[in-house]
């Protein structure tokens, strides 16, 4: 999990709330990273659809209920 901290937040999220997350924050004008694990791999997934296609919903990405794996 990645947490990007807003340096201008009125109520900043304490790092202790998500101790195993990788935290990104600004310190002395530089962007710094603190991680619980020695290595972490940030990732994301982008899905590009045609404008005439239905927008995907969360259920589209969840495994089917009752399916045995």
PDB file of N, CA and C in Angstrom:
ATOM      1  N   UNK A   1       0.844  -1.167   0.000  1.00  0.00           N
ATOM      2  CA  UNK A   1       0.000   0.000   0.000  1.00  0.00           C
ATOM      3  C   UNK A   1       0.894   1.236   0.000  1.00  0.00           C
ATOM      4  N   UNK A   2       0.519   2.196  -0.793  1.00  0.00           N
ATOM      5  CA  UNK A   2       1.253   3.451  -0.895  1.00  0.00           C
ATOM      6  C   UNK A   2       0.390   4.574  -0.323  1.00  0.00           C
ATOM      7  N   UNK A   3       0.975   5.428   0.485  1.00  0.00           N
ATOM      8  CA  UNK A   3       0.273   6.579   1.036  1.00  0.00           C
ATOM      9  C   UNK A   3       1.059   7.830   0.658  1.00  0.00           C
ATOM     10  N   UNK A   4       0.412   8.737  -0.054  1.00  0.00           N
ATOM     11  CA  UNK A   4       1.033   9.998  -0.436  1.00  0.00           C
ATOM     12  C   UNK A   4       0.480  11.074   0.492  1.00  0.00           C
ATOM     13  N   UNK A   5       1.328  11.633   1.324  1.00  0.00           N
ATOM     14  CA  UNK A   5       0.898  12.604   2.324  1.00  0.00           C
ATOM     15  C   UNK A   5       0.848  14.009   1.730  1.00  0.00           C
ATOM     16  N   UNK A   6      -0.235  14.702   1.998  1.00  0.00           N
ATOM     17  CA  UNK A   6      -0.430  16.074   1.533  1.00  0.00           C
ATOM     18  C   UNK A   6       0.278  17.018   2.509  1.00  0.00           C
ATOM     19  N   UNK A   7       1.306  17.730   2.059  1.00  0.00           N
ATOM     20  CA  UNK A   7       2.026  18.618   2.971  1.00  0.00           C
ATOM     21  C   UNK A   7       1.186  19.794   3.469  1.00  0.00           C
ATOM     22  N   UNK A   8       0.046  20.031   2.821  1.00  0.00           N
ATOM     23  CA  UNK A   8      -0.821  21.144   3.207  1.00  0.00           C
ATOM     24  C   UNK A   8      -2.089  20.670   3.925  1.00  0.00           C
ATOM     25  N   UNK A   9      -2.139  19.400   4.308  1.00  0.00           N
ATOM     26  CA  UNK A   9      -3.339  18.845   4.937  1.00  0.00           C
ATOM     27  C   UNK A   9      -3.612  19.515   6.283  1.00  0.00           C
ATOM     28  N   UNK A  10      -4.866  19.854   6.498  1.00  0.00           N
ATOM     29  CA  UNK A  10      -5.253  20.450   7.777  1.00  0.00           C
ATOM     30  C   UNK A  10      -5.198  19.400   8.888  1.00  0.00           C
ATOM     31  N   UNK A  11      -5.528  18.153   8.537  1.00  0.00           N
ATOM     32  CA  UNK A  11      -5.487  17.042   9.497  1.00  0.00           C
ATOM     33  C   UNK A  11      -4.668  15.917   8.864  1.00  0.00           C
ATOM     34  N   UNK A  12      -3.348  15.958   8.979  1.00  0.00           N
ATOM     35  CA  UNK A  12      -2.500  14.939   8.345  1.00  0.00           C
ATOM     36  C   UNK A  12      -2.772  13.530   8.893  1.00  0.00           C
ATOM     37  N   UNK A  13      -2.637  12.561   8.029  1.00  0.00           N
ATOM     38  CA  UNK A  13      -2.784  11.165   8.435  1.00  0.00           C
ATOM     39  C   UNK A  13      -1.513  10.714   9.140  1.00  0.00           C
ATOM     40  N   UNK A  14      -1.631  10.232  10.376  1.00  0.00           N
ATOM     41  CA  UNK A  14      -0.431   9.765  11.065  1.00  0.00           C
ATOM     42  C   UNK A  14       0.114   8.490  10.411  1.00  0.00           C
ATOM     43  N   UNK A  15       1.417   8.402  10.276  1.00  0.00           N
ATOM     44  CA  UNK A  15       2.024   7.216   9.670  1.00  0.00           C
ATOM     45  C   UNK A  15       1.719   5.959  10.481  1.00  0.00           C
ATOM     46  N   UNK A  16       1.531   6.123  11.785  1.00  0.00           N
ATOM     47  CA  UNK A  16       1.246   4.980  12.661  1.00  0.00           C
ATOM     48  C   UNK A  16      -0.097   4.317  12.336  1.00  0.00           C
ATOM     49  N   UNK A  17      -0.980   5.036  11.655  1.00  0.00           N
ATOM     50  CA  UNK A  17      -2.283   4.479  11.301  1.00  0.00           C
ATOM     51  C   UNK A  17      -2.137   3.331  10.308  1.00  0.00           C
ATOM     52  N   UNK A  18      -1.161   3.429   9.419  1.00  0.00           N
ATOM     53  CA  UNK A  18      -0.887   2.394   8.412  1.00  0.00           C
ATOM     54  C   UNK A  18       0.605   2.047   8.466  1.00  0.00           C
ATOM     55  N   UNK A  19       1.033   1.329   9.495  1.00  0.00           N
ATOM     56  CA  UNK A  19       2.467   1.137   9.722  1.00  0.00           C
ATOM     57  C   UNK A  19       3.187   0.335   8.643  1.00  0.00           C
ATOM     58  N   UNK A  20       2.497  -0.574   7.943  1.00  0.00           N
ATOM     59  CA  UNK A  20       3.175  -1.389   6.941  1.00  0.00           C
ATOM     60  C   UNK A  20       3.117  -0.782   5.540  1.00  0.00           C
ATOM     61  N   UNK A  21       2.497   0.372   5.408  1.00  0.00           N
ATOM     62  CA  UNK A  21       2.409   1.037   4.107  1.00  0.00           C
ATOM     63  C   UNK A  21       3.719   1.757   3.797  1.00  0.00           C
ATOM     64  N   UNK A  22       3.931   2.021   2.533  1.00  0.00           N
ATOM     65  CA  UNK A  22       5.037   2.869   2.112  1.00  0.00           C
ATOM     66  C   UNK A  22       4.506   4.301   2.102  1.00  0.00           C
ATOM     67  N   UNK A  23       5.179   5.178   2.823  1.00  0.00           N
ATOM     68  CA  UNK A  23       4.723   6.563   2.965  1.00  0.00           C
ATOM     69  C   UNK A  23       5.620   7.499   2.163  1.00  0.00           C
ATOM     70  N   UNK A  24       4.985   8.367   1.392  1.00  0.00           N
ATOM     71  CA  UNK A  24       5.670   9.393   0.620  1.00  0.00           C
ATOM     72  C   UNK A  24       5.289  10.737   1.215  1.00  0.00           C
ATOM     73  N   UNK A  25       6.270  11.588   1.464  1.00  0.00           N
ATOM     74  CA  UNK A  25       5.994  12.882   2.083  1.00  0.00           C
ATOM     75  C   UNK A  25       7.094  13.867   1.730  1.00  0.00           C
ATOM     76  N   UNK A  26       6.817  15.128   1.984  1.00  0.00           N
ATOM     77  CA  UNK A  26       7.783  16.183   1.708  1.00  0.00           C
ATOM     78  C   UNK A  26       8.527  16.535   2.992  1.00  0.00           C
ATOM     79  N   UNK A  27       9.847  16.613   2.886  1.00  0.00           N
ATOM     80  CA  UNK A  27      10.680  17.027   4.018  1.00  0.00           C
ATOM     81  C   UNK A  27      11.796  17.911   3.458  1.00  0.00           C
ATOM     82  N   UNK A  28      11.881  19.121   3.980  1.00  0.00           N
ATOM     83  CA  UNK A  28      12.907  20.085   3.549  1.00  0.00           C
ATOM     84  C   UNK A  28      12.904  20.297   2.034  1.00  0.00           C
ATOM     85  N   UNK A  29      11.715  20.351   1.454  1.00  0.00           N
ATOM     86  CA  UNK A  29      11.589  20.607   0.021  1.00  0.00           C
ATOM     87  C   UNK A  29      11.860  19.404  -0.864  1.00  0.00           C
ATOM     88  N   UNK A  30      12.116  18.250  -0.296  1.00  0.00           N
ATOM     89  CA  UNK A  30      12.380  17.028  -1.049  1.00  0.00           C
ATOM     90  C   UNK A  30      11.273  16.008  -0.783  1.00  0.00           C
ATOM     91  N   UNK A  31      10.983  15.169  -1.782  1.00  0.00           N
ATOM     92  CA  UNK A  31      10.033  14.079  -1.595  1.00  0.00           C
ATOM     93  C   UNK A  31      10.805  12.879  -1.057  1.00  0.00           C
ATOM     94  N   UNK A  32      10.353  12.365   0.091  1.00  0.00           N
ATOM     95  CA  UNK A  32      11.022  11.233   0.723  1.00  0.00           C
ATOM     96  C   UNK A  32      10.062  10.061   0.854  1.00  0.00           C
ATOM     97  N   UNK A  33      10.655   8.898   1.021  1.00  0.00           N
ATOM     98  CA  UNK A  33       9.893   7.659   1.125  1.00  0.00           C
ATOM     99  C   UNK A  33      10.323   6.918   2.378  1.00  0.00           C
ATOM    100  N   UNK A  34       9.340   6.456   3.146  1.00  0.00           N
ATOM    101  CA  UNK A  34       9.607   5.588   4.293  1.00  0.00           C
ATOM    102  C   UNK A  34       8.828   4.305   4.072  1.00  0.00           C
ATOM    103  N   UNK A  35       9.510   3.179   4.206  1.00  0.00           N
ATOM    104  CA  UNK A  35       8.854   1.897   3.969  1.00  0.00           C
ATOM    105  C   UNK A  35       9.101   0.950   5.132  1.00  0.00           C
ATOM    106  N   UNK A  36       8.091   0.189   5.478  1.00  0.00           N
ATOM    107  CA  UNK A  36       8.189  -0.822   6.523  1.00  0.00           C
ATOM    108  C   UNK A  36       9.077  -1.968   6.034  1.00  0.00           C
ATOM    109  N   UNK A  37       8.858  -2.381   4.776  1.00  0.00           N
ATOM    110  CA  UNK A  37       9.622  -3.473   4.187  1.00  0.00           C
ATOM    111  C   UNK A  37      10.840  -2.919   3.457  1.00  0.00           C
ATOM    112  N   UNK A  38      11.900  -3.701   3.414  1.00  0.00           N
ATOM    113  CA  UNK A  38      13.124  -3.257   2.749  1.00  0.00           C
ATOM    114  C   UNK A  38      12.877  -2.976   1.269  1.00  0.00           C
ATOM    115  N   UNK A  39      12.075  -3.815   0.649  1.00  0.00           N
ATOM    116  CA  UNK A  39      11.731  -3.600  -0.761  1.00  0.00           C
ATOM    117  C   UNK A  39      10.214  -3.552  -0.887  1.00  0.00           C
ATOM    118  N   UNK A  40       9.752  -2.700  -1.730  1.00  0.00           N
ATOM    119  CA  UNK A  40       8.329  -2.646  -2.059  1.00  0.00           C
ATOM    120  C   UNK A  40       8.209  -2.250  -3.516  1.00  0.00           C
ATOM    121  N   UNK A  41       7.177  -2.747  -4.138  1.00  0.00           N
ATOM    122  CA  UNK A  41       6.992  -2.496  -5.570  1.00  0.00           C
ATOM    123  C   UNK A  41       5.670  -1.770  -5.764  1.00  0.00           C
ATOM    124  N   UNK A  42       5.711  -0.467  -6.024  1.00  0.00           N
ATOM    125  CA  UNK A  42       4.464   0.233  -6.318  1.00  0.00           C
ATOM    126  C   UNK A  42       3.952  -0.183  -7.698  1.00  0.00           C
ATOM    127  N   UNK A  43       2.655  -0.302  -7.839  1.00  0.00           N
ATOM    128  CA  UNK A  43       2.089  -0.674  -9.122  1.00  0.00           C
ATOM    129  C   UNK A  43       0.709  -0.061  -9.265  1.00  0.00           C
ATOM    130  N   UNK A  44       0.264  -0.040 -10.475  1.00  0.00           N
ATOM    131  CA  UNK A  44      -1.096   0.398 -10.761  1.00  0.00           C
ATOM    132  C   UNK A  44      -1.550  -0.306 -12.030  1.00  0.00           C
ATOM    133  N   UNK A  45      -2.821  -0.218 -12.284  1.00  0.00           N
ATOM    134  CA  UNK A  45      -3.379  -0.820 -13.478  1.00  0.00           C
ATOM    135  C   UNK A  45      -4.284   0.210 -14.131  1.00  0.00           C
ATOM    136  N   UNK A  46      -4.122   0.414 -15.418  1.00  0.00           N
ATOM    137  CA  UNK A  46      -4.951   1.345 -16.165  1.00  0.00           C
ATOM    138  C   UNK A  46      -5.784   0.564 -17.154  1.00  0.00           C
ATOM    139  N   UNK A  47      -7.072   0.837 -17.183  1.00  0.00           N
ATOM    140  CA  UNK A  47      -7.958   0.197 -18.133  1.00  0.00           C
ATOM    141  C   UNK A  47      -8.497   1.291 -19.046  1.00  0.00           C
ATOM    142  N   UNK A  48      -8.257   1.128 -20.326  1.00  0.00           N
ATOM    143  CA  UNK A  48      -8.722   2.109 -21.315  1.00  0.00           C
ATOM    144  C   UNK A  48      -9.889   1.492 -22.068  1.00  0.00           C
ATOM    145  N   UNK A  49     -11.009   2.188 -22.070  1.00  0.00           N
ATOM    146  CA  UNK A  49     -12.195   1.702 -22.764  1.00  0.00           C
ATOM    147  C   UNK A  49     -12.639   2.742 -23.791  1.00  0.00           C
ATOM    148  N   UNK A  50     -13.402   2.277 -24.755  1.00  0.00           N
ATOM    149  CA  UNK A  50     -13.997   3.191 -25.731  1.00  0.00           C
ATOM    150  C   UNK A  50     -15.106   3.986 -25.053  1.00  0.00           C
ATOM    151  N   UNK A  51     -15.354   5.183 -25.540  1.00  0.00           N
ATOM    152  CA  UNK A  51     -16.349   6.054 -24.913  1.00  0.00           C
ATOM    153  C   UNK A  51     -17.756   5.454 -24.943  1.00  0.00           C
ATOM    154  N   UNK A  52     -18.031   4.564 -25.903  1.00  0.00           N
ATOM    155  CA  UNK A  52     -19.371   3.971 -25.985  1.00  0.00           C
ATOM    156  C   UNK A  52     -19.523   2.741 -25.076  1.00  0.00           C
ATOM    157  N   UNK A  53     -18.441   2.285 -24.448  1.00  0.00           N
ATOM    158  CA  UNK A  53     -18.517   1.131 -23.556  1.00  0.00           C
ATOM    159  C   UNK A  53     -18.974   1.540 -22.161  1.00  0.00           C
ATOM    160  N   UNK A  54     -19.608   0.605 -21.473  1.00  0.00           N
ATOM    161  CA  UNK A  54     -20.053   0.820 -20.100  1.00  0.00           C
ATOM    162  C   UNK A  54     -18.817   0.984 -19.210  1.00  0.00           C
ATOM    163  N   UNK A  55     -18.902   1.904 -18.268  1.00  0.00           N
ATOM    164  CA  UNK A  55     -17.806   2.108 -17.324  1.00  0.00           C
ATOM    165  C   UNK A  55     -17.724   0.904 -16.390  1.00  0.00           C
ATOM    166  N   UNK A  56     -16.519   0.303 -16.204  1.00  0.00           N
ATOM    167  CA  UNK A  56     -16.406  -0.861 -15.315  1.00  0.00           C
ATOM    168  C   UNK A  56     -16.775  -0.508 -13.879  1.00  0.00           C
ATOM    169  N   UNK A  57     -17.341  -1.473 -13.186  1.00  0.00           N
ATOM    170  CA  UNK A  57     -17.685  -1.334 -11.772  1.00  0.00           C
ATOM    171  C   UNK A  57     -16.816  -2.299 -10.976  1.00  0.00           C
ATOM    172  N   UNK A  58     -16.750  -2.109  -9.671  1.00  0.00           N
ATOM    173  CA  UNK A  58     -15.926  -2.948  -8.810  1.00  0.00           C
ATOM    174  C   UNK A  58     -16.235  -4.427  -9.004  1.00  0.00           C
ATOM    175  N   UNK A  59     -17.524  -4.772  -9.107  1.00  0.00           N
ATOM    176  CA  UNK A  59     -17.911  -6.175  -9.265  1.00  0.00           C
ATOM    177  C   UNK A  59     -17.294  -6.820 -10.508  1.00  0.00           C
ATOM    178  N   UNK A  60     -16.961  -6.027 -11.511  1.00  0.00           N
ATOM    179  CA  UNK A  60     -16.343  -6.561 -12.721  1.00  0.00           C
ATOM    180  C   UNK A  60     -14.950  -7.131 -12.447  1.00  0.00           C
ATOM    181  N   UNK A  61     -14.336  -6.714 -11.372  1.00  0.00           N
ATOM    182  CA  UNK A  61     -12.974  -7.132 -11.070  1.00  0.00           C
ATOM    183  C   UNK A  61     -12.892  -8.172  -9.953  1.00  0.00           C
ATOM    184  N   UNK A  62     -14.010  -8.409  -9.282  1.00  0.00           N
ATOM    185  CA  UNK A  62     -14.032  -9.384  -8.191  1.00  0.00           C
ATOM    186  C   UNK A  62     -14.303 -10.776  -8.744  1.00  0.00           C
ATOM    187  N   UNK A  63     -13.726 -11.803  -8.087  1.00  0.00           N
ATOM    188  CA  UNK A  63     -14.005 -13.162  -8.551  1.00  0.00           C
ATOM    189  C   UNK A  63     -15.490 -13.498  -8.379  1.00  0.00           C
ATOM    190  N   UNK A  64     -15.980 -14.378  -9.226  1.00  0.00           N
ATOM    191  CA  UNK A  64     -17.393 -14.775  -9.144  1.00  0.00           C
ATOM    192  C   UNK A  64     -17.656 -15.480  -7.831  1.00  0.00           C
ATOM    193  N   UNK A  65     -18.776 -15.161  -7.211  1.00  0.00           N
ATOM    194  CA  UNK A  65     -19.158 -15.824  -5.957  1.00  0.00           C
ATOM    195  C   UNK A  65     -19.506 -17.278  -6.261  1.00  0.00           C
ATOM    196  N   UNK A  66     -19.086 -18.160  -5.368  1.00  0.00           N
ATOM    197  CA  UNK A  66     -19.380 -19.573  -5.535  1.00  0.00           C
ATOM    198  C   UNK A  66     -18.389 -20.296  -6.424  1.00  0.00           C
ATOM    199  N   UNK A  67     -17.427 -19.591  -6.956  1.00  0.00           N
ATOM    200  CA  UNK A  67     -16.418 -20.218  -7.802  1.00  0.00           C
ATOM    201  C   UNK A  67     -15.335 -20.819  -6.910  1.00  0.00           C
ATOM    202  N   UNK A  68     -15.005 -22.081  -7.151  1.00  0.00           N
ATOM    203  CA  UNK A  68     -13.949 -22.746  -6.390  1.00  0.00           C
ATOM    204  C   UNK A  68     -12.641 -22.594  -7.151  1.00  0.00           C
ATOM    205  N   UNK A  69     -11.619 -22.143  -6.441  1.00  0.00           N
ATOM    206  CA  UNK A  69     -10.326 -21.979  -7.102  1.00  0.00           C
ATOM    207  C   UNK A  69      -9.379 -23.062  -6.681  1.00  0.00           C
TER     208      UNK A  69
END
